[in-house]
Amino acid sequence: MKKSITNLLLSVLCVIFLSGCVMGRRTVDLEIPSLKPRDLNGLSVAISEVQDGRVFQNRPPNPSTPSIDGDVTKMSAMERSRMIGRQRNAYGKAMGDVALPGDVTVEQKVQQLVEEGLRARGYQIRDSESDYSVSVKVEEFWGWFTPGMFYVTFEARIKCAVKIDGEEKSEVITVVGYGENKAQVASDANWQLAYRRAFEDFLDNFSKELEKKGF
């Protein structure tokens, strides 16, 4: 009997420790990694548009599908563009949201990410009158965690269709990034580490795709 009570108490403590605060909305700032830029290649790029094309669902069966704590159809496009993840309790039940702080949006973060990747290839970033015009459709930008017995697995996934238009050629490049972080509490730092790894993977894949397409 005593053993059963002890095991129950340990289980409760484990649930509290692993889950952290999952109620309400957590705001997490995400920093874009800085890459060492190459020497300028003499070409310039302007980002013409970044579109949030993510599809949200109410109560999706898979935590990797964007959702909110409430009815997504009642959320404004601006508010939806700030959502980057969903918190869950120790049993995997969806709880509060994870959002970017203030008026920061997913479109802004993706633009910074793409610009960093282009800058690292030697391109000069301009607002207009450039050699290439780039538009981006964000297909995935989401973080989630899966509670386990002794740790929580944080995951973040990014997928973008990057269209590059120039006078001589035009290409559409699909770029993905994935990050994973195993930790013991649902803290801001652990969300950030999963996203940082996803950003680094995205930038590495972006560079490879640009090389492959001759940019």
Protein backbone atom coordinates (compact mmCIF):
# COMPACT_ATOMS: atom_id res chain seq x y z
CA MET A 1 0.00 0.00 0.00
CA LYS A 2 2.79 2.38 0.99
CA LYS A 3 4.62 1.52 -2.24
CA SER A 4 1.52 2.32 -4.30
CA ILE A 5 1.10 5.70 -2.58
CA THR A 6 4.78 6.49 -3.09
CA ASN A 7 4.56 5.62 -6.79
CA LEU A 8 1.44 7.78 -7.13
CA LEU A 9 3.17 10.75 -5.49
CA LEU A 10 6.21 10.30 -7.72
CA SER A 11 3.96 10.20 -10.77
CA VAL A 12 2.21 13.41 -9.72
CA LEU A 13 5.53 15.15 -9.11
CA CYS A 14 6.78 13.93 -12.48
CA VAL A 15 3.68 15.33 -14.19
CA ILE A 16 4.14 18.73 -12.53
CA PHE A 17 7.87 18.85 -13.22
CA LEU A 18 7.66 17.84 -16.87
CA SER A 19 4.66 19.90 -17.84
CA GLY A 20 5.59 23.30 -16.46
CA CYS A 21 2.95 25.98 -16.96
CA VAL A 22 0.70 24.98 -19.85
CA MET A 23 -2.35 27.11 -19.14
CA GLY A 24 -2.95 30.40 -20.94
CA ARG A 25 -0.69 31.87 -23.61
CA ARG A 26 3.10 31.76 -23.53
CA THR A 27 5.01 34.35 -25.55
CA VAL A 28 8.42 33.31 -26.84
CA ASP A 29 10.84 35.49 -28.77
CA LEU A 30 12.81 33.72 -31.50
CA GLU A 31 16.25 34.87 -32.57
CA ILE A 32 17.42 34.30 -36.14
CA PRO A 33 20.94 32.80 -36.22
CA SER A 34 23.65 34.99 -37.74
CA LEU A 35 25.76 33.42 -40.48
CA LYS A 36 29.18 34.49 -41.64
CA PRO A 37 28.51 36.38 -44.92
CA ARG A 38 30.52 35.73 -48.04
CA ASP A 39 32.11 38.53 -49.99
CA LEU A 40 29.46 40.39 -51.99
CA ASN A 41 28.75 38.67 -55.31
CA GLY A 42 27.70 41.92 -57.02
CA LEU A 43 24.01 40.98 -57.10
CA SER A 44 21.08 42.29 -55.08
CA VAL A 45 17.80 40.83 -53.86
CA ALA A 46 14.53 42.37 -52.70
CA ILE A 47 11.88 40.46 -50.75
CA SER A 48 8.63 41.40 -52.45
CA GLU A 49 6.21 39.36 -50.32
CA VAL A 50 6.04 36.85 -47.48
CA GLN A 51 2.68 35.10 -47.22
CA ASP A 52 1.50 33.03 -44.28
CA GLY A 53 -0.07 30.02 -45.97
CA ARG A 54 -0.33 27.81 -42.88
CA VAL A 55 -3.56 25.89 -42.36
CA PHE A 56 -4.95 25.82 -38.81
CA GLN A 57 -7.45 23.28 -37.54
CA ASN A 58 -9.69 23.04 -34.50
CA ARG A 59 -8.68 20.09 -32.34
CA PRO A 60 -6.42 18.33 -34.84
CA PRO A 61 -5.41 14.72 -34.03
CA ASN A 62 -1.74 15.50 -34.64
CA PRO A 63 0.06 18.10 -32.46
CA SER A 64 2.21 19.13 -35.44
CA THR A 65 -0.90 20.63 -37.07
CA PRO A 66 -1.38 24.32 -36.15
CA SER A 67 -4.24 24.96 -33.73
CA ILE A 68 -5.21 27.38 -30.97
CA ASP A 69 -6.84 27.25 -27.57
CA GLY A 70 -10.30 28.14 -28.88
CA ASP A 71 -12.00 28.47 -32.27
CA VAL A 72 -9.49 29.38 -34.99
CA THR A 73 -12.27 30.76 -37.22
CA LYS A 74 -12.85 33.54 -34.66
CA MET A 75 -9.21 34.62 -34.59
CA SER A 76 -8.05 37.51 -36.77
CA ALA A 77 -5.39 36.94 -39.42
CA MET A 78 -3.01 39.22 -37.53
CA GLU A 79 -3.39 37.29 -34.29
CA ARG A 80 -3.09 33.97 -36.11
CA SER A 81 0.15 35.14 -37.74
CA ARG A 82 1.72 35.38 -34.26
CA MET A 83 0.96 31.76 -33.29
CA ILE A 84 3.99 29.44 -33.34
CA GLY A 85 3.05 26.47 -31.16
CA ARG A 86 0.75 24.78 -28.71
CA GLN A 87 1.36 23.69 -25.13
CA ARG A 88 0.19 20.33 -23.80
CA ASN A 89 -0.15 18.76 -20.39
CA ALA A 90 1.62 15.60 -19.23
CA TYR A 91 -1.09 13.45 -20.79
CA GLY A 92 -0.71 15.05 -24.23
CA LYS A 93 -3.94 17.07 -24.02
CA ALA A 94 -3.71 20.40 -25.90
CA MET A 95 -3.77 23.42 -23.61
CA GLY A 96 -2.50 26.99 -24.07
CA ASP A 97 -0.96 28.71 -27.09
CA VAL A 98 2.62 29.71 -27.84
CA ALA A 99 2.93 33.06 -29.63
CA LEU A 100 5.55 35.55 -30.75
CA PRO A 101 5.71 38.65 -28.53
CA GLY A 102 3.98 41.95 -29.24
CA ASP A 103 3.21 42.57 -32.91
CA VAL A 104 5.95 40.26 -34.21
CA THR A 105 4.65 37.88 -36.88
CA VAL A 106 5.72 34.65 -38.53
CA GLU A 107 6.01 36.53 -41.84
CA GLN A 108 8.56 38.90 -40.31
CA LYS A 109 10.61 36.06 -38.84
CA VAL A 110 10.61 34.17 -42.13
CA GLN A 111 11.68 37.27 -44.03
CA GLN A 112 14.59 37.71 -41.63
CA LEU A 113 15.48 34.04 -42.06
CA VAL A 114 15.43 34.17 -45.87
CA GLU A 115 17.37 37.44 -45.93
CA GLU A 116 20.02 35.92 -43.66
CA GLY A 117 20.36 32.95 -46.00
CA LEU A 118 20.69 35.20 -49.06
CA ARG A 119 23.13 37.53 -47.30
CA ALA A 120 25.29 34.53 -46.44
CA ARG A 121 25.46 33.73 -50.17
CA GLY A 122 26.86 37.18 -50.91
CA TYR A 123 23.68 38.97 -52.00
CA GLN A 124 22.96 42.56 -51.04
CA ILE A 125 19.48 43.00 -49.57
CA ARG A 126 17.52 45.95 -50.94
CA ASP A 127 13.97 47.26 -50.63
CA SER A 128 13.56 47.71 -54.40
CA GLU A 129 15.42 48.00 -57.73
CA SER A 130 17.28 44.72 -57.38
CA ASP A 131 18.61 42.00 -59.66
CA TYR A 132 16.26 39.42 -58.15
CA SER A 133 12.81 39.63 -56.58
CA VAL A 134 11.96 37.00 -53.97
CA SER A 135 8.53 36.00 -52.71
CA VAL A 136 7.94 33.44 -49.97
CA LYS A 137 4.95 31.31 -49.03
CA VAL A 138 5.13 29.90 -45.50
CA GLU A 139 3.67 26.41 -45.57
CA GLU A 140 4.83 25.29 -42.13
CA PHE A 141 6.12 27.16 -39.09
CA TRP A 142 5.08 25.33 -35.98
CA GLY A 143 6.37 24.00 -32.68
CA TRP A 144 4.94 21.34 -30.40
CA PHE A 145 6.01 19.05 -27.60
CA THR A 146 5.34 15.45 -26.68
CA PRO A 147 5.41 14.65 -22.94
CA GLY A 148 7.26 11.52 -21.88
CA MET A 149 7.90 9.78 -18.57
CA PHE A 150 11.20 11.52 -17.87
CA TYR A 151 11.48 14.30 -20.44
CA VAL A 152 9.55 16.40 -22.95
CA THR A 153 10.42 16.31 -26.65
CA PHE A 154 10.15 19.75 -28.24
CA GLU A 155 9.93 19.85 -32.03
CA ALA A 156 9.80 22.70 -34.55
CA ARG A 157 9.28 22.46 -38.28
CA ILE A 158 9.52 25.08 -41.02
CA LYS A 159 8.70 24.72 -44.71
CA CYS A 160 8.68 27.53 -47.27
CA ALA A 161 8.26 27.86 -51.02
CA VAL A 162 10.79 30.50 -52.08
CA LYS A 163 10.29 31.98 -55.56
CA ILE A 164 13.26 33.80 -57.08
CA ASP A 165 12.61 35.94 -60.15
CA GLY A 166 15.28 37.53 -62.31
CA GLU A 167 15.63 38.71 -65.89
CA GLU A 168 17.46 35.57 -67.00
CA LYS A 169 15.87 32.87 -64.84
CA SER A 170 13.14 32.12 -62.35
CA GLU A 171 13.01 29.27 -59.84
CA VAL A 172 10.80 28.03 -57.01
CA ILE A 173 12.77 26.42 -54.20
CA THR A 174 11.18 24.39 -51.41
CA VAL A 175 13.17 24.77 -48.19
CA VAL A 176 12.56 22.85 -44.97
CA GLY A 177 14.00 23.00 -41.48
CA TYR A 178 13.51 20.74 -38.47
CA GLY A 179 14.67 21.05 -34.87
CA GLU A 180 14.31 18.81 -31.83
CA ASN A 181 15.13 19.37 -28.18
CA LYS A 182 14.67 16.95 -25.28
CA ALA A 183 14.28 18.64 -21.90
CA GLN A 184 12.58 18.30 -18.53
CA VAL A 185 10.46 21.43 -18.33
CA ALA A 186 8.35 23.47 -20.77
CA SER A 187 10.39 26.67 -20.52
CA ASP A 188 10.85 29.49 -23.03
CA ALA A 189 14.50 28.46 -23.45
CA ASN A 190 13.54 24.94 -24.47
CA TRP A 191 11.05 26.18 -27.06
CA GLN A 192 13.72 28.57 -28.35
CA LEU A 193 16.35 25.83 -28.67
CA ALA A 194 14.05 23.64 -30.76
CA TYR A 195 13.33 26.59 -33.06
CA ARG A 196 16.98 27.61 -33.24
CA ARG A 197 17.88 24.13 -34.46
CA ALA A 198 15.07 24.32 -37.01
CA PHE A 199 16.35 27.72 -38.21
CA GLU A 200 19.91 26.42 -38.53
CA ASP A 201 18.69 23.39 -40.48
CA PHE A 202 16.58 25.66 -42.72
CA LEU A 203 19.53 27.95 -43.47
CA ASP A 204 21.79 24.98 -44.26
CA ASN A 205 19.19 23.49 -46.61
CA PHE A 206 18.51 26.89 -48.19
CA SER A 207 22.19 27.31 -49.02
CA LYS A 208 22.31 23.84 -50.59
CA GLU A 209 19.21 24.53 -52.71
CA LEU A 210 20.56 27.89 -53.87
CA GLU A 211 23.84 26.23 -54.84
CA LYS A 212 21.98 23.50 -56.70
CA LYS A 213 19.92 26.05 -58.68
CA GLY A 214 22.94 28.24 -59.47
CA PHE A 215 22.12 31.22 -57.25
